[in-house]
Amino acid sequence: MSFGRPYIMGVYGCIHDGWLVIKDTNNLFDKEYLLQLLSSEYMYNQYRQLASGGVVNNLNSELVQNTNILLTNMEEQKKLGLIFKSIDNLITLHQRKCDKLVNIKKSLLEKMFPKNGNNVPEIRFKGFTEAWEQRKFGECVLI
């Protein structure tokens, strides 16, 4: 597989070709901790060193098995997994808010600047009614 973001798959079923499935048969890992460990810069650096390929760097199960991991006790893993999951949830929440604000800004930019051929924008602040002037930029500033 090309190395990307690991996921916790909450379903039983088939895995498409090109994915590595990691099963914790010895119950050594908290799932969230393992997710964060596999997503860490520590692991990505190892992936980069081990990966082969031309344009797309590829990993396989043998290469992944040869990486070094950092393992602590289950209690600490659960705490680490929980805090990083909480941070990921906050990032997702704020990213959604940011995406909404980007869309609002884009919409306002389209409506608060006159469209081609017009000299008045669709939306104005209260008290502003005069037409906008069109000028050459070089007449207004020194470049």
N, C-alpha and C. Protein backbone atom coordinates (compact mmCIF):
# COMPACT_ATOMS: atom_id res chain seq x y z
N MET A 1 0.84 -1.19 0.00
CA MET A 1 0.00 0.00 0.00
C MET A 1 0.88 1.24 0.00
N SER A 2 0.40 2.31 -0.58
CA SER A 2 1.09 3.58 -0.39
C SER A 2 0.70 4.04 1.01
N PHE A 3 1.62 4.65 1.70
CA PHE A 3 1.29 4.97 3.08
C PHE A 3 0.54 6.28 3.16
N GLY A 4 -0.56 6.20 3.84
CA GLY A 4 -1.43 7.35 4.04
C GLY A 4 -1.89 7.35 5.47
N ARG A 5 -3.12 7.68 5.66
CA ARG A 5 -3.66 7.78 7.01
C ARG A 5 -4.24 6.44 7.43
N PRO A 6 -3.89 5.96 8.62
CA PRO A 6 -4.52 4.74 9.11
C PRO A 6 -5.94 5.03 9.62
N TYR A 7 -6.77 4.00 9.61
CA TYR A 7 -8.16 4.13 10.05
C TYR A 7 -8.51 2.97 10.95
N ILE A 8 -9.43 3.21 11.86
CA ILE A 8 -10.04 2.13 12.61
C ILE A 8 -11.30 1.76 11.86
N MET A 9 -11.34 0.54 11.37
CA MET A 9 -12.50 0.08 10.62
C MET A 9 -13.47 -0.56 11.61
N GLY A 10 -14.59 0.05 11.80
CA GLY A 10 -15.57 -0.42 12.77
C GLY A 10 -16.51 -1.46 12.22
N VAL A 11 -16.13 -2.15 11.17
CA VAL A 11 -17.00 -3.15 10.57
C VAL A 11 -16.22 -4.42 10.30
N TYR A 12 -16.94 -5.50 10.22
CA TYR A 12 -16.34 -6.76 9.78
C TYR A 12 -16.68 -6.91 8.31
N GLY A 13 -15.75 -7.34 7.52
CA GLY A 13 -16.05 -7.51 6.11
C GLY A 13 -14.79 -7.64 5.29
N CYS A 14 -14.91 -7.28 4.05
CA CYS A 14 -13.81 -7.41 3.09
C CYS A 14 -12.94 -6.16 3.09
N ILE A 15 -11.68 -6.35 2.78
CA ILE A 15 -10.74 -5.25 2.63
C ILE A 15 -10.29 -5.25 1.17
N HIS A 16 -10.35 -4.10 0.54
CA HIS A 16 -9.95 -3.98 -0.86
C HIS A 16 -8.44 -4.17 -0.99
N ASP A 17 -8.02 -4.70 -2.10
CA ASP A 17 -6.61 -4.90 -2.40
C ASP A 17 -5.86 -3.57 -2.24
N GLY A 18 -4.69 -3.64 -1.68
CA GLY A 18 -3.89 -2.43 -1.49
C GLY A 18 -3.91 -1.91 -0.08
N TRP A 19 -4.64 -2.55 0.80
CA TRP A 19 -4.71 -2.14 2.20
C TRP A 19 -4.01 -3.19 3.05
N LEU A 20 -3.41 -2.76 4.12
CA LEU A 20 -2.88 -3.69 5.12
C LEU A 20 -3.88 -3.74 6.27
N VAL A 21 -4.20 -4.93 6.71
CA VAL A 21 -5.08 -5.12 7.85
C VAL A 21 -4.21 -5.51 9.03
N ILE A 22 -4.35 -4.77 10.12
CA ILE A 22 -3.56 -5.06 11.32
C ILE A 22 -4.54 -5.53 12.39
N LYS A 23 -4.33 -6.74 12.85
CA LYS A 23 -5.18 -7.32 13.88
C LYS A 23 -4.34 -7.57 15.12
N ASP A 24 -4.78 -7.03 16.23
CA ASP A 24 -4.07 -7.13 17.50
C ASP A 24 -4.48 -8.44 18.19
N THR A 25 -3.94 -9.55 17.73
CA THR A 25 -4.34 -10.86 18.26
C THR A 25 -3.86 -11.08 19.69
N ASN A 26 -2.83 -10.35 20.12
CA ASN A 26 -2.29 -10.51 21.47
C ASN A 26 -2.84 -9.48 22.45
N ASN A 27 -3.75 -8.63 21.98
CA ASN A 27 -4.36 -7.59 22.82
C ASN A 27 -3.31 -6.73 23.53
N LEU A 28 -2.34 -6.28 22.78
CA LEU A 28 -1.29 -5.42 23.32
C LEU A 28 -1.59 -3.94 23.18
N PHE A 29 -2.59 -3.60 22.34
CA PHE A 29 -2.83 -2.20 22.00
C PHE A 29 -4.25 -1.76 22.30
N ASP A 30 -4.38 -0.53 22.75
CA ASP A 30 -5.65 0.17 22.72
C ASP A 30 -5.80 0.66 21.27
N LYS A 31 -6.98 0.51 20.69
CA LYS A 31 -7.17 0.85 19.27
C LYS A 31 -6.82 2.30 18.98
N GLU A 32 -7.27 3.21 19.84
CA GLU A 32 -6.99 4.63 19.60
C GLU A 32 -5.50 4.92 19.72
N TYR A 33 -4.84 4.29 20.66
CA TYR A 33 -3.40 4.47 20.80
C TYR A 33 -2.68 3.98 19.54
N LEU A 34 -3.07 2.79 19.07
CA LEU A 34 -2.44 2.23 17.88
C LEU A 34 -2.66 3.14 16.67
N LEU A 35 -3.86 3.68 16.55
CA LEU A 35 -4.16 4.61 15.46
C LEU A 35 -3.21 5.81 15.51
N GLN A 36 -3.06 6.39 16.70
CA GLN A 36 -2.19 7.56 16.85
C GLN A 36 -0.73 7.20 16.62
N LEU A 37 -0.32 6.04 17.11
CA LEU A 37 1.05 5.59 16.90
C LEU A 37 1.34 5.44 15.41
N LEU A 38 0.43 4.78 14.70
CA LEU A 38 0.63 4.56 13.27
C LEU A 38 0.57 5.86 12.47
N SER A 39 -0.07 6.89 13.04
CA SER A 39 -0.18 8.20 12.39
C SER A 39 0.96 9.13 12.76
N SER A 40 1.82 8.71 13.67
CA SER A 40 2.84 9.61 14.21
C SER A 40 4.00 9.83 13.24
N GLU A 41 4.68 10.93 13.44
CA GLU A 41 5.86 11.27 12.64
C GLU A 41 6.93 10.19 12.83
N TYR A 42 7.00 9.63 14.03
CA TYR A 42 7.94 8.55 14.33
C TYR A 42 7.76 7.39 13.35
N MET A 43 6.50 7.00 13.12
CA MET A 43 6.23 5.90 12.20
C MET A 43 6.38 6.32 10.75
N TYR A 44 5.91 7.52 10.39
CA TYR A 44 6.02 7.98 9.00
C TYR A 44 7.48 8.05 8.56
N ASN A 45 8.35 8.47 9.47
CA ASN A 45 9.78 8.50 9.12
C ASN A 45 10.29 7.10 8.79
N GLN A 46 9.84 6.11 9.54
CA GLN A 46 10.23 4.73 9.24
C GLN A 46 9.63 4.28 7.91
N TYR A 47 8.36 4.63 7.68
CA TYR A 47 7.72 4.24 6.42
C TYR A 47 8.50 4.81 5.23
N ARG A 48 8.89 6.08 5.34
CA ARG A 48 9.63 6.72 4.25
C ARG A 48 10.96 6.01 3.99
N GLN A 49 11.62 5.60 5.06
CA GLN A 49 12.90 4.92 4.90
C GLN A 49 12.72 3.52 4.30
N LEU A 50 11.64 2.85 4.64
CA LEU A 50 11.43 1.47 4.19
C LEU A 50 10.71 1.36 2.84
N ALA A 51 9.96 2.40 2.49
CA ALA A 51 9.11 2.34 1.31
C ALA A 51 9.94 2.23 0.04
N SER A 52 9.37 1.52 -0.92
CA SER A 52 10.02 1.39 -2.21
C SER A 52 9.05 1.83 -3.28
N GLY A 53 9.58 2.11 -4.45
CA GLY A 53 8.71 2.50 -5.56
C GLY A 53 9.23 3.75 -6.22
N GLY A 54 8.73 4.00 -7.41
CA GLY A 54 9.15 5.17 -8.18
C GLY A 54 8.37 6.39 -7.77
N VAL A 55 7.24 6.59 -8.40
CA VAL A 55 6.42 7.77 -8.13
C VAL A 55 5.65 7.60 -6.83
N VAL A 56 5.04 6.43 -6.64
CA VAL A 56 4.28 6.15 -5.43
C VAL A 56 5.11 5.22 -4.56
N ASN A 57 5.42 5.69 -3.35
CA ASN A 57 6.15 4.84 -2.42
C ASN A 57 5.20 3.80 -1.85
N ASN A 58 5.61 2.56 -1.91
CA ASN A 58 4.74 1.47 -1.47
C ASN A 58 5.29 0.78 -0.24
N LEU A 59 4.39 0.38 0.63
CA LEU A 59 4.71 -0.45 1.77
C LEU A 59 4.06 -1.79 1.55
N ASN A 60 4.58 -2.79 2.21
CA ASN A 60 3.91 -4.08 2.22
C ASN A 60 3.94 -4.60 3.65
N SER A 61 3.28 -5.72 3.88
CA SER A 61 3.17 -6.22 5.25
C SER A 61 4.53 -6.54 5.85
N GLU A 62 5.45 -7.05 5.04
CA GLU A 62 6.79 -7.38 5.55
C GLU A 62 7.52 -6.13 6.03
N LEU A 63 7.45 -5.06 5.24
CA LEU A 63 8.11 -3.81 5.63
C LEU A 63 7.49 -3.23 6.91
N VAL A 64 6.17 -3.26 6.98
CA VAL A 64 5.50 -2.72 8.16
C VAL A 64 5.86 -3.55 9.40
N GLN A 65 5.97 -4.86 9.24
CA GLN A 65 6.35 -5.71 10.36
C GLN A 65 7.76 -5.41 10.86
N ASN A 66 8.59 -4.82 10.02
CA ASN A 66 9.97 -4.52 10.40
C ASN A 66 10.13 -3.12 11.02
N THR A 67 9.05 -2.37 11.17
CA THR A 67 9.15 -1.07 11.83
C THR A 67 9.29 -1.28 13.34
N ASN A 68 9.88 -0.31 14.00
CA ASN A 68 9.97 -0.33 15.46
C ASN A 68 8.81 0.47 16.02
N ILE A 69 8.18 -0.06 17.06
CA ILE A 69 7.05 0.63 17.67
C ILE A 69 7.40 1.07 19.07
N LEU A 70 6.60 1.97 19.59
CA LEU A 70 6.73 2.44 20.97
C LEU A 70 5.52 1.92 21.73
N LEU A 71 5.77 1.14 22.76
CA LEU A 71 4.70 0.47 23.49
C LEU A 71 4.78 0.80 24.96
N THR A 72 3.66 1.21 25.53
CA THR A 72 3.55 1.45 26.96
C THR A 72 2.43 0.55 27.48
N ASN A 73 2.15 0.63 28.78
CA ASN A 73 1.11 -0.23 29.35
C ASN A 73 -0.27 0.21 28.88
N MET A 74 -1.23 -0.69 29.00
CA MET A 74 -2.59 -0.47 28.48
C MET A 74 -3.26 0.75 29.10
N GLU A 75 -3.06 0.98 30.40
CA GLU A 75 -3.69 2.12 31.06
C GLU A 75 -3.22 3.44 30.45
N GLU A 76 -1.91 3.55 30.23
CA GLU A 76 -1.37 4.78 29.63
C GLU A 76 -1.80 4.89 28.16
N GLN A 77 -1.84 3.77 27.46
CA GLN A 77 -2.31 3.78 26.07
C GLN A 77 -3.73 4.33 25.98
N LYS A 78 -4.59 3.88 26.89
CA LYS A 78 -5.99 4.34 26.86
C LYS A 78 -6.08 5.84 27.10
N LYS A 79 -5.27 6.34 28.02
CA LYS A 79 -5.27 7.78 28.29
C LYS A 79 -4.74 8.56 27.09
N LEU A 80 -3.66 8.07 26.50
CA LEU A 80 -3.10 8.73 25.32
C LEU A 80 -4.09 8.69 24.15
N GLY A 81 -4.68 7.52 23.93
CA GLY A 81 -5.65 7.38 22.84
C GLY A 81 -6.83 8.31 23.02
N LEU A 82 -7.32 8.42 24.26
CA LEU A 82 -8.48 9.27 24.55
C LEU A 82 -8.17 10.75 24.32
N ILE A 83 -7.01 11.19 24.79
CA ILE A 83 -6.68 12.62 24.63
C ILE A 83 -6.48 12.96 23.16
N PHE A 84 -5.81 12.09 22.40
CA PHE A 84 -5.61 12.38 20.99
C PHE A 84 -6.90 12.28 20.19
N LYS A 85 -7.78 11.36 20.57
CA LYS A 85 -9.08 11.27 19.91
C LYS A 85 -9.89 12.54 20.17
N SER A 86 -9.82 13.05 21.41
CA SER A 86 -10.52 14.31 21.75
C SER A 86 -9.97 15.47 20.94
N ILE A 87 -8.65 15.52 20.80
CA ILE A 87 -8.04 16.59 20.00
C ILE A 87 -8.46 16.46 18.54
N ASP A 88 -8.45 15.23 18.01
CA ASP A 88 -8.89 15.01 16.62
C ASP A 88 -10.33 15.47 16.43
N ASN A 89 -11.19 15.18 17.41
CA ASN A 89 -12.59 15.61 17.33
C ASN A 89 -12.70 17.13 17.32
N LEU A 90 -11.90 17.80 18.15
CA LEU A 90 -11.90 19.27 18.16
C LEU A 90 -11.40 19.82 16.83
N ILE A 91 -10.37 19.21 16.29
CA ILE A 91 -9.84 19.65 14.99
C ILE A 91 -10.93 19.51 13.93
N THR A 92 -11.63 18.38 13.94
CA THR A 92 -12.71 18.16 12.96
C THR A 92 -13.80 19.20 13.13
N LEU A 93 -14.20 19.45 14.36
CA LEU A 93 -15.24 20.45 14.63
C LEU A 93 -14.82 21.82 14.13
N HIS A 94 -13.61 22.23 14.47
CA HIS A 94 -13.14 23.56 14.05
C HIS A 94 -12.90 23.61 12.54
N GLN A 95 -12.50 22.49 11.95
CA GLN A 95 -12.33 22.47 10.50
C GLN A 95 -13.66 22.69 9.81
N ARG A 96 -14.73 22.06 10.34
CA ARG A 96 -16.06 22.27 9.77
C ARG A 96 -16.48 23.72 9.89
N LYS A 97 -16.22 24.32 11.06
CA LYS A 97 -16.54 25.74 11.25
C LYS A 97 -15.74 26.60 10.27
N CYS A 98 -14.47 26.28 10.12
CA CYS A 98 -13.61 27.01 9.19
C CYS A 98 -14.13 26.88 7.77
N ASP A 99 -14.51 25.65 7.36
CA ASP A 99 -15.04 25.43 6.02
C ASP A 99 -16.31 26.24 5.79
N LYS A 100 -17.17 26.32 6.81
CA LYS A 100 -18.39 27.12 6.69
C LYS A 100 -18.05 28.60 6.53
N LEU A 101 -17.09 29.08 7.31
CA LEU A 101 -16.69 30.49 7.19
C LEU A 101 -16.07 30.79 5.84
N VAL A 102 -15.30 29.86 5.31
CA VAL A 102 -14.72 30.04 3.97
C VAL A 102 -15.84 30.17 2.94
N ASN A 103 -16.87 29.34 3.06
CA ASN A 103 -18.01 29.41 2.14
C ASN A 103 -18.78 30.72 2.30
N ILE A 104 -18.95 31.17 3.53
CA ILE A 104 -19.63 32.46 3.77
C ILE A 104 -18.83 33.58 3.14
N LYS A 105 -17.52 33.57 3.35
CA LYS A 105 -16.67 34.61 2.77
C LYS A 105 -16.76 34.59 1.25
N LYS A 106 -16.69 33.42 0.66
CA LYS A 106 -16.77 33.30 -0.80
C LYS A 106 -18.08 33.87 -1.31
N SER A 107 -19.17 33.54 -0.63
CA SER A 107 -20.48 34.05 -1.03
C SER A 107 -20.55 35.57 -0.90
N LEU A 108 -20.01 36.09 0.21
CA LEU A 108 -20.03 37.54 0.41
C LEU A 108 -19.15 38.25 -0.62
N LEU A 109 -18.01 37.66 -0.94
CA LEU A 109 -17.15 38.28 -1.96
C LEU A 109 -17.88 38.38 -3.29
N GLU A 110 -18.66 37.35 -3.62
CA GLU A 110 -19.41 37.37 -4.88
C GLU A 110 -20.52 38.41 -4.86
N LYS A 111 -21.12 38.63 -3.70
CA LYS A 111 -22.27 39.53 -3.62
C LYS A 111 -21.92 40.96 -3.22
N MET A 112 -20.75 41.16 -2.59
CA MET A 112 -20.40 42.50 -2.09
C MET A 112 -19.43 43.23 -3.00
N PHE A 113 -19.10 42.63 -4.14
CA PHE A 113 -18.36 43.31 -5.19
C PHE A 113 -19.23 43.28 -6.43
N PRO A 114 -19.27 44.39 -7.19
CA PRO A 114 -20.11 44.40 -8.38
C PRO A 114 -19.69 43.31 -9.38
N LYS A 115 -20.68 42.71 -10.00
CA LYS A 115 -20.41 41.72 -11.04
C LYS A 115 -19.97 42.44 -12.31
N ASN A 116 -19.35 41.73 -13.23
CA ASN A 116 -18.92 42.33 -14.49
C ASN A 116 -20.07 43.07 -15.17
N GLY A 117 -19.82 44.28 -15.58
CA GLY A 117 -20.83 45.08 -16.26
C GLY A 117 -21.69 45.90 -15.32
N ASN A 118 -21.61 45.66 -14.03
CA ASN A 118 -22.38 46.43 -13.05
C ASN A 118 -21.46 47.35 -12.27
N ASN A 119 -22.05 48.40 -11.69
CA ASN A 119 -21.26 49.30 -10.87
C ASN A 119 -21.79 49.39 -9.44
N VAL A 120 -22.72 48.48 -9.11
CA VAL A 120 -23.27 48.41 -7.77
C VAL A 120 -23.31 46.93 -7.35
N PRO A 121 -22.81 46.62 -6.14
CA PRO A 121 -22.86 45.22 -5.70
C PRO A 121 -24.29 44.81 -5.31
N GLU A 122 -24.51 43.52 -5.27
CA GLU A 122 -25.81 42.96 -4.92
C GLU A 122 -26.17 43.26 -3.46
N ILE A 123 -25.18 43.20 -2.56
CA ILE A 123 -25.40 43.47 -1.14
C ILE A 123 -24.54 44.65 -0.74
N ARG A 124 -25.13 45.58 0.03
CA ARG A 124 -24.40 46.77 0.49
C ARG A 124 -24.60 46.94 1.99
N PHE A 125 -23.66 47.64 2.60
CA PHE A 125 -23.85 48.06 3.97
C PHE A 125 -24.89 49.18 3.99
N LYS A 126 -25.62 49.28 5.09
CA LYS A 126 -26.64 50.31 5.24
C LYS A 126 -25.99 51.69 5.09
N GLY A 127 -26.64 52.54 4.33
CA GLY A 127 -26.16 53.91 4.16
C GLY A 127 -25.26 54.11 2.94
N PHE A 128 -24.92 53.07 2.21
CA PHE A 128 -24.08 53.19 1.02
C PHE A 128 -24.93 52.88 -0.20
N THR A 129 -25.05 53.90 -1.09
CA THR A 129 -25.91 53.72 -2.26
C THR A 129 -25.24 54.14 -3.57
N GLU A 130 -24.17 54.91 -3.48
CA GLU A 130 -23.55 55.43 -4.71
C GLU A 130 -22.89 54.31 -5.51
N ALA A 131 -22.76 54.56 -6.80
CA ALA A 131 -22.14 53.58 -7.70
C ALA A 131 -20.64 53.54 -7.46
N TRP A 132 -20.07 52.40 -7.74
CA TRP A 132 -18.63 52.22 -7.64
C TRP A 132 -17.99 52.75 -8.91
N GLU A 133 -16.76 53.24 -8.79
CA GLU A 133 -16.02 53.72 -9.95
C GLU A 133 -15.09 52.63 -10.45
N GLN A 134 -14.88 52.62 -11.76
CA GLN A 134 -13.90 51.70 -12.33
C GLN A 134 -12.71 52.53 -12.77
N ARG A 135 -11.52 52.13 -12.32
CA ARG A 135 -10.30 52.84 -12.66
C ARG A 135 -9.19 51.84 -12.98
N LYS A 136 -8.17 52.32 -13.64
CA LYS A 136 -6.97 51.52 -13.83
C LYS A 136 -6.23 51.49 -12.49
N PHE A 137 -5.79 50.30 -12.09
CA PHE A 137 -5.12 50.14 -10.81
C PHE A 137 -3.88 51.03 -10.72
N GLY A 138 -3.16 51.14 -11.83
CA GLY A 138 -1.95 51.94 -11.86
C GLY A 138 -2.20 53.42 -11.64
N GLU A 139 -3.44 53.90 -11.80
CA GLU A 139 -3.79 55.29 -11.53
C GLU A 139 -3.97 55.52 -10.03
N CYS A 140 -4.16 54.45 -9.28
CA CYS A 140 -4.47 54.57 -7.85
C CYS A 140 -3.29 54.31 -6.95
N VAL A 141 -2.30 53.56 -7.44
CA VAL A 141 -1.16 53.19 -6.61
C VAL A 141 0.13 53.34 -7.39
N LEU A 142 1.22 53.33 -6.68
CA LEU A 142 2.54 53.35 -7.31
C LEU A 142 3.08 51.92 -7.24
N ILE A 143 3.35 51.33 -8.38
CA ILE A 143 3.87 49.96 -8.41
C ILE A 143 5.32 50.00 -8.82
